[in-house]
Amino acid sequence: MLLMASIFALTLTASYLYLFKNPFKDYLQLQQKLDLLKEEIHTGIPLSKQIESSEASVLSLKKKLYGENPQLPVNQKMASVIGQLDTISAGHHVNLIAIQPGEVTQLFLFQELPFNIEITGSYFSLFNWLYQVEKDLGPIVVKEFDISPESTTVNLNMKLTLASYQFAKWDSP
């Protein structure tokens, strides 16, 4: 009885592996393609446009992760950030008083590039400036800040430390 059950189980397993496995896999792939085509008909957006949209969103996410110039060496990255800060300051009517790059440190997979910055402007100009800096300079963090009113005008004086991050280069053994 046990021998008959074993032979029957082996016969079922062999028939599945040799006769049904590949056609069943092909059926599932065709079913998936059919679902995609039905989705295309339902939405009216061609599959090629959906792929282009997905690729655009991947590029956008990479830009958020790596920033504008991810492959620059540290010295060039610092110069690029300073130039962009100057451009953003001019666009938002913020006076950029001082920028001092700090010591580059390694944090696990990243290099941290700190910048000590002093700016003056109205509250809304400073807010818009900070929003634009975070948007344009990629992965950047405000580590410290101090806001105080200027004694002679209605403007505010802001001292802050921004830290820009980029992936550290690994030396392969």
C-alpha atoms as a PDB file:
ATOM      1  CA  MET A   1       0.000   0.000   0.000  1.00  0.00           C
ATOM      2  CA  LEU A   2       2.854   2.336   0.924  1.00  0.00           C
ATOM      3  CA  LEU A   3       4.634   1.481  -2.312  1.00  0.00           C
ATOM      4  CA  MET A   4       1.510   2.301  -4.348  1.00  0.00           C
ATOM      5  CA  ALA A   5       1.109   5.654  -2.588  1.00  0.00           C
ATOM      6  CA  SER A   6       4.776   6.510  -3.208  1.00  0.00           C
ATOM      7  CA  ILE A   7       4.510   5.635  -6.908  1.00  0.00           C
ATOM      8  CA  PHE A   8       1.340   7.708  -7.213  1.00  0.00           C
ATOM      9  CA  ALA A   9       3.020  10.715  -5.487  1.00  0.00           C
ATOM     10  CA  LEU A  10       6.099  10.430  -7.724  1.00  0.00           C
ATOM     11  CA  THR A  11       3.878  10.237 -10.807  1.00  0.00           C
ATOM     12  CA  LEU A  12       2.000  13.399  -9.756  1.00  0.00           C
ATOM     13  CA  THR A  13       5.227  15.248  -8.987  1.00  0.00           C
ATOM     14  CA  ALA A  14       6.838  14.237 -12.290  1.00  0.00           C
ATOM     15  CA  SER A  15       3.753  15.186 -14.275  1.00  0.00           C
ATOM     16  CA  TYR A  16       3.665  18.594 -12.584  1.00  0.00           C
ATOM     17  CA  LEU A  17       7.366  19.244 -13.174  1.00  0.00           C
ATOM     18  CA  TYR A  18       7.459  18.042 -16.784  1.00  0.00           C
ATOM     19  CA  LEU A  19       3.978  18.818 -18.068  1.00  0.00           C
ATOM     20  CA  PHE A  20       2.356  21.609 -16.053  1.00  0.00           C
ATOM     21  CA  LYS A  21       5.040  23.811 -14.469  1.00  0.00           C
ATOM     22  CA  ASN A  22       6.222  25.757 -17.562  1.00  0.00           C
ATOM     23  CA  PRO A  23       2.769  26.171 -19.125  1.00  0.00           C
ATOM     24  CA  PHE A  24       1.408  27.352 -15.769  1.00  0.00           C
ATOM     25  CA  LYS A  25       4.274  29.874 -15.456  1.00  0.00           C
ATOM     26  CA  ASP A  26       3.591  31.098 -19.013  1.00  0.00           C
ATOM     27  CA  TYR A  27      -0.100  31.396 -18.200  1.00  0.00           C
ATOM     28  CA  LEU A  28       0.652  33.592 -15.167  1.00  0.00           C
ATOM     29  CA  GLN A  29       2.944  35.861 -17.223  1.00  0.00           C
ATOM     30  CA  LEU A  30       0.326  36.192 -19.957  1.00  0.00           C
ATOM     31  CA  GLN A  31      -2.324  36.947 -17.356  1.00  0.00           C
ATOM     32  CA  GLN A  32      -0.093  39.715 -15.946  1.00  0.00           C
ATOM     33  CA  LYS A  33       0.396  41.199 -19.444  1.00  0.00           C
ATOM     34  CA  LEU A  34      -3.341  41.023 -20.036  1.00  0.00           C
ATOM     35  CA  ASP A  35      -3.967  42.901 -16.792  1.00  0.00           C
ATOM     36  CA  LEU A  36      -1.479  45.609 -17.859  1.00  0.00           C
ATOM     37  CA  LEU A  37      -3.156  45.964 -21.239  1.00  0.00           C
ATOM     38  CA  LYS A  38      -6.587  46.176 -19.596  1.00  0.00           C
ATOM     39  CA  GLU A  39      -5.185  48.891 -17.300  1.00  0.00           C
ATOM     40  CA  GLU A  40      -3.898  50.755 -20.373  1.00  0.00           C
ATOM     41  CA  ILE A  41      -7.303  50.570 -22.036  1.00  0.00           C
ATOM     42  CA  HIS A  42      -9.062  51.600 -18.830  1.00  0.00           C
ATOM     43  CA  THR A  43      -6.816  54.618 -18.109  1.00  0.00           C
ATOM     44  CA  GLY A  44      -6.290  55.582 -21.734  1.00  0.00           C
ATOM     45  CA  ILE A  45      -2.596  56.104 -21.064  1.00  0.00           C
ATOM     46  CA  PRO A  46      -0.306  54.022 -23.280  1.00  0.00           C
ATOM     47  CA  LEU A  47       2.043  51.652 -21.521  1.00  0.00           C
ATOM     48  CA  SER A  48       5.054  53.514 -22.935  1.00  0.00           C
ATOM     49  CA  LYS A  49       3.824  56.737 -21.285  1.00  0.00           C
ATOM     50  CA  GLN A  50       3.338  54.912 -17.980  1.00  0.00           C
ATOM     51  CA  ILE A  51       6.922  53.633 -18.213  1.00  0.00           C
ATOM     52  CA  GLU A  52       8.215  57.152 -18.994  1.00  0.00           C
ATOM     53  CA  SER A  53       6.287  58.482 -16.004  1.00  0.00           C
ATOM     54  CA  SER A  54       7.783  55.830 -13.744  1.00  0.00           C
ATOM     55  CA  GLU A  55      11.300  56.591 -15.031  1.00  0.00           C
ATOM     56  CA  ALA A  56      10.733  60.320 -14.399  1.00  0.00           C
ATOM     57  CA  SER A  57       9.665  59.643 -10.830  1.00  0.00           C
ATOM     58  CA  VAL A  58      12.754  57.439 -10.294  1.00  0.00           C
ATOM     59  CA  LEU A  59      14.973  60.273 -11.574  1.00  0.00           C
ATOM     60  CA  SER A  60      13.208  62.706  -9.259  1.00  0.00           C
ATOM     61  CA  LEU A  61      13.784  60.411  -6.283  1.00  0.00           C
ATOM     62  CA  LYS A  62      17.463  60.022  -7.216  1.00  0.00           C
ATOM     63  CA  LYS A  63      17.778  63.811  -7.380  1.00  0.00           C
ATOM     64  CA  LYS A  64      16.290  64.070  -3.897  1.00  0.00           C
ATOM     65  CA  LEU A  65      18.636  61.404  -2.576  1.00  0.00           C
ATOM     66  CA  TYR A  66      21.874  62.473  -4.246  1.00  0.00           C
ATOM     67  CA  GLY A  67      21.342  66.218  -4.753  1.00  0.00           C
ATOM     68  CA  GLU A  68      22.231  68.312  -7.781  1.00  0.00           C
ATOM     69  CA  ASN A  69      25.894  67.372  -8.184  1.00  0.00           C
ATOM     70  CA  PRO A  70      26.413  64.018  -6.464  1.00  0.00           C
ATOM     71  CA  GLN A  71      29.678  63.019  -8.131  1.00  0.00           C
ATOM     72  CA  LEU A  72      31.712  66.148  -7.342  1.00  0.00           C
ATOM     73  CA  PRO A  73      34.834  65.945  -5.176  1.00  0.00           C
ATOM     74  CA  VAL A  74      34.555  67.595  -1.752  1.00  0.00           C
ATOM     75  CA  ASN A  75      36.302  70.877  -2.720  1.00  0.00           C
ATOM     76  CA  GLN A  76      34.184  71.288  -5.842  1.00  0.00           C
ATOM     77  CA  LYS A  77      31.035  70.365  -3.901  1.00  0.00           C
ATOM     78  CA  MET A  78      31.823  73.109  -1.359  1.00  0.00           C
ATOM     79  CA  ALA A  79      32.358  75.669  -4.119  1.00  0.00           C
ATOM     80  CA  SER A  80      29.144  74.578  -5.828  1.00  0.00           C
ATOM     81  CA  VAL A  81      27.118  74.871  -2.606  1.00  0.00           C
ATOM     82  CA  ILE A  82      28.550  78.334  -1.875  1.00  0.00           C
ATOM     83  CA  GLY A  83      27.714  79.490  -5.401  1.00  0.00           C
ATOM     84  CA  GLN A  84      24.179  78.155  -5.156  1.00  0.00           C
ATOM     85  CA  LEU A  85      23.693  79.800  -1.740  1.00  0.00           C
ATOM     86  CA  ASP A  86      24.787  83.126  -3.240  1.00  0.00           C
ATOM     87  CA  THR A  87      22.363  82.763  -6.157  1.00  0.00           C
ATOM     88  CA  ILE A  88      19.471  81.790  -3.890  1.00  0.00           C
ATOM     89  CA  SER A  89      20.230  84.714  -1.550  1.00  0.00           C
ATOM     90  CA  ALA A  90      20.122  87.199  -4.415  1.00  0.00           C
ATOM     91  CA  GLY A  91      16.825  85.760  -5.635  1.00  0.00           C
ATOM     92  CA  HIS A  92      15.144  86.099  -2.232  1.00  0.00           C
ATOM     93  CA  HIS A  93      16.530  89.549  -1.263  1.00  0.00           C
ATOM     94  CA  VAL A  94      18.550  88.080   1.585  1.00  0.00           C
ATOM     95  CA  ASN A  95      21.940  89.543   2.478  1.00  0.00           C
ATOM     96  CA  LEU A  96      24.509  86.783   2.646  1.00  0.00           C
ATOM     97  CA  ILE A  97      26.985  88.130   5.191  1.00  0.00           C
ATOM     98  CA  ALA A  98      29.285  85.153   5.705  1.00  0.00           C
ATOM     99  CA  ILE A  99      29.767  81.539   4.665  1.00  0.00           C
ATOM    100  CA  GLN A 100      32.450  79.474   6.322  1.00  0.00           C
ATOM    101  CA  PRO A 101      32.879  75.810   5.371  1.00  0.00           C
ATOM    102  CA  GLY A 102      33.472  73.542   8.342  1.00  0.00           C
ATOM    103  CA  GLU A 103      35.504  70.378   8.799  1.00  0.00           C
ATOM    104  CA  VAL A 104      34.430  67.483   6.567  1.00  0.00           C
ATOM    105  CA  THR A 105      33.560  64.411   8.623  1.00  0.00           C
ATOM    106  CA  GLN A 106      32.669  60.850   7.685  1.00  0.00           C
ATOM    107  CA  LEU A 107      29.368  59.519   9.031  1.00  0.00           C
ATOM    108  CA  PHE A 108      28.978  55.854   8.185  1.00  0.00           C
ATOM    109  CA  LEU A 109      28.233  55.918   4.404  1.00  0.00           C
ATOM    110  CA  PHE A 110      28.205  59.712   4.046  1.00  0.00           C
ATOM    111  CA  GLN A 111      30.526  62.674   4.105  1.00  0.00           C
ATOM    112  CA  GLU A 112      29.117  65.596   6.045  1.00  0.00           C
ATOM    113  CA  LEU A 113      30.007  69.033   4.658  1.00  0.00           C
ATOM    114  CA  PRO A 114      29.008  71.687   7.237  1.00  0.00           C
ATOM    115  CA  PHE A 115      28.623  75.381   6.400  1.00  0.00           C
ATOM    116  CA  ASN A 116      28.391  78.155   9.005  1.00  0.00           C
ATOM    117  CA  ILE A 117      26.229  80.860   7.448  1.00  0.00           C
ATOM    118  CA  GLU A 118      25.129  84.333   8.517  1.00  0.00           C
ATOM    119  CA  ILE A 119      22.303  86.048   6.647  1.00  0.00           C
ATOM    120  CA  THR A 120      19.940  88.977   7.188  1.00  0.00           C
ATOM    121  CA  GLY A 121      16.524  89.744   5.773  1.00  0.00           C
ATOM    122  CA  SER A 122      12.848  89.903   6.590  1.00  0.00           C
ATOM    123  CA  TYR A 123      11.185  86.952   8.271  1.00  0.00           C
ATOM    124  CA  PHE A 124       9.420  85.848   5.095  1.00  0.00           C
ATOM    125  CA  SER A 125      12.561  86.290   2.973  1.00  0.00           C
ATOM    126  CA  LEU A 126      14.544  84.131   5.385  1.00  0.00           C
ATOM    127  CA  PHE A 127      11.806  81.493   5.417  1.00  0.00           C
ATOM    128  CA  ASN A 128      11.592  81.417   1.616  1.00  0.00           C
ATOM    129  CA  TRP A 129      15.407  81.355   1.376  1.00  0.00           C
ATOM    130  CA  LEU A 130      15.619  78.345   3.683  1.00  0.00           C
ATOM    131  CA  TYR A 131      12.861  76.525   1.793  1.00  0.00           C
ATOM    132  CA  GLN A 132      14.640  77.149  -1.530  1.00  0.00           C
ATOM    133  CA  VAL A 133      18.003  76.008  -0.105  1.00  0.00           C
ATOM    134  CA  GLU A 134      16.528  72.730   1.147  1.00  0.00           C
ATOM    135  CA  LYS A 135      14.795  72.184  -2.189  1.00  0.00           C
ATOM    136  CA  ASP A 136      17.765  73.001  -4.453  1.00  0.00           C
ATOM    137  CA  LEU A 137      20.724  71.632  -2.529  1.00  0.00           C
ATOM    138  CA  GLY A 138      19.436  68.106  -2.072  1.00  0.00           C
ATOM    139  CA  PRO A 139      20.063  66.243   1.147  1.00  0.00           C
ATOM    140  CA  ILE A 140      20.816  69.117   3.512  1.00  0.00           C
ATOM    141  CA  VAL A 141      20.083  69.528   7.218  1.00  0.00           C
ATOM    142  CA  VAL A 142      19.869  72.578   9.463  1.00  0.00           C
ATOM    143  CA  LYS A 143      21.979  71.531  12.437  1.00  0.00           C
ATOM    144  CA  GLU A 144      21.935  74.763  14.464  1.00  0.00           C
ATOM    145  CA  PHE A 145      20.350  78.176  14.096  1.00  0.00           C
ATOM    146  CA  ASP A 146      19.968  81.424  15.967  1.00  0.00           C
ATOM    147  CA  ILE A 147      17.659  84.261  14.968  1.00  0.00           C
ATOM    148  CA  SER A 148      17.889  87.716  16.447  1.00  0.00           C
ATOM    149  CA  PRO A 149      16.480  91.112  15.427  1.00  0.00           C
ATOM    150  CA  GLU A 150      18.845  93.715  14.038  1.00  0.00           C
ATOM    151  CA  SER A 151      18.991  96.826  16.186  1.00  0.00           C
ATOM    152  CA  THR A 152      18.876  99.351  13.322  1.00  0.00           C
ATOM    153  CA  THR A 153      16.270  97.792  10.971  1.00  0.00           C
ATOM    154  CA  VAL A 154      13.221  95.543  11.015  1.00  0.00           C
ATOM    155  CA  ASN A 155      15.271  92.734   9.476  1.00  0.00           C
ATOM    156  CA  LEU A 156      16.339  89.598  11.294  1.00  0.00           C
ATOM    157  CA  ASN A 157      19.875  88.282  11.595  1.00  0.00           C
ATOM    158  CA  MET A 158      20.142  84.488  11.262  1.00  0.00           C
ATOM    159  CA  LYS A 159      23.206  82.414  12.034  1.00  0.00           C
ATOM    160  CA  LEU A 160      22.876  78.778  11.098  1.00  0.00           C
ATOM    161  CA  THR A 161      24.878  75.677  10.391  1.00  0.00           C
ATOM    162  CA  LEU A 162      23.804  73.712   7.328  1.00  0.00           C
ATOM    163  CA  ALA A 163      25.181  70.249   6.686  1.00  0.00           C
ATOM    164  CA  SER A 164      25.230  68.888   3.155  1.00  0.00           C
ATOM    165  CA  TYR A 165      25.652  65.153   2.691  1.00  0.00           C
ATOM    166  CA  GLN A 166      27.049  63.029  -0.096  1.00  0.00           C
ATOM    167  CA  PHE A 167      27.949  59.373  -0.352  1.00  0.00           C
ATOM    168  CA  ALA A 168      31.514  58.666   0.730  1.00  0.00           C
ATOM    169  CA  LYS A 169      33.777  56.925  -1.717  1.00  0.00           C
ATOM    170  CA  TRP A 170      34.814  53.471  -0.593  1.00  0.00           C
ATOM    171  CA  ASP A 171      38.301  52.197  -1.134  1.00  0.00           C
ATOM    172  CA  SER A 172      38.075  48.631  -2.371  1.00  0.00           C
ATOM    173  CA  PRO A 173      40.519  46.169  -0.740  1.00  0.00           C
END
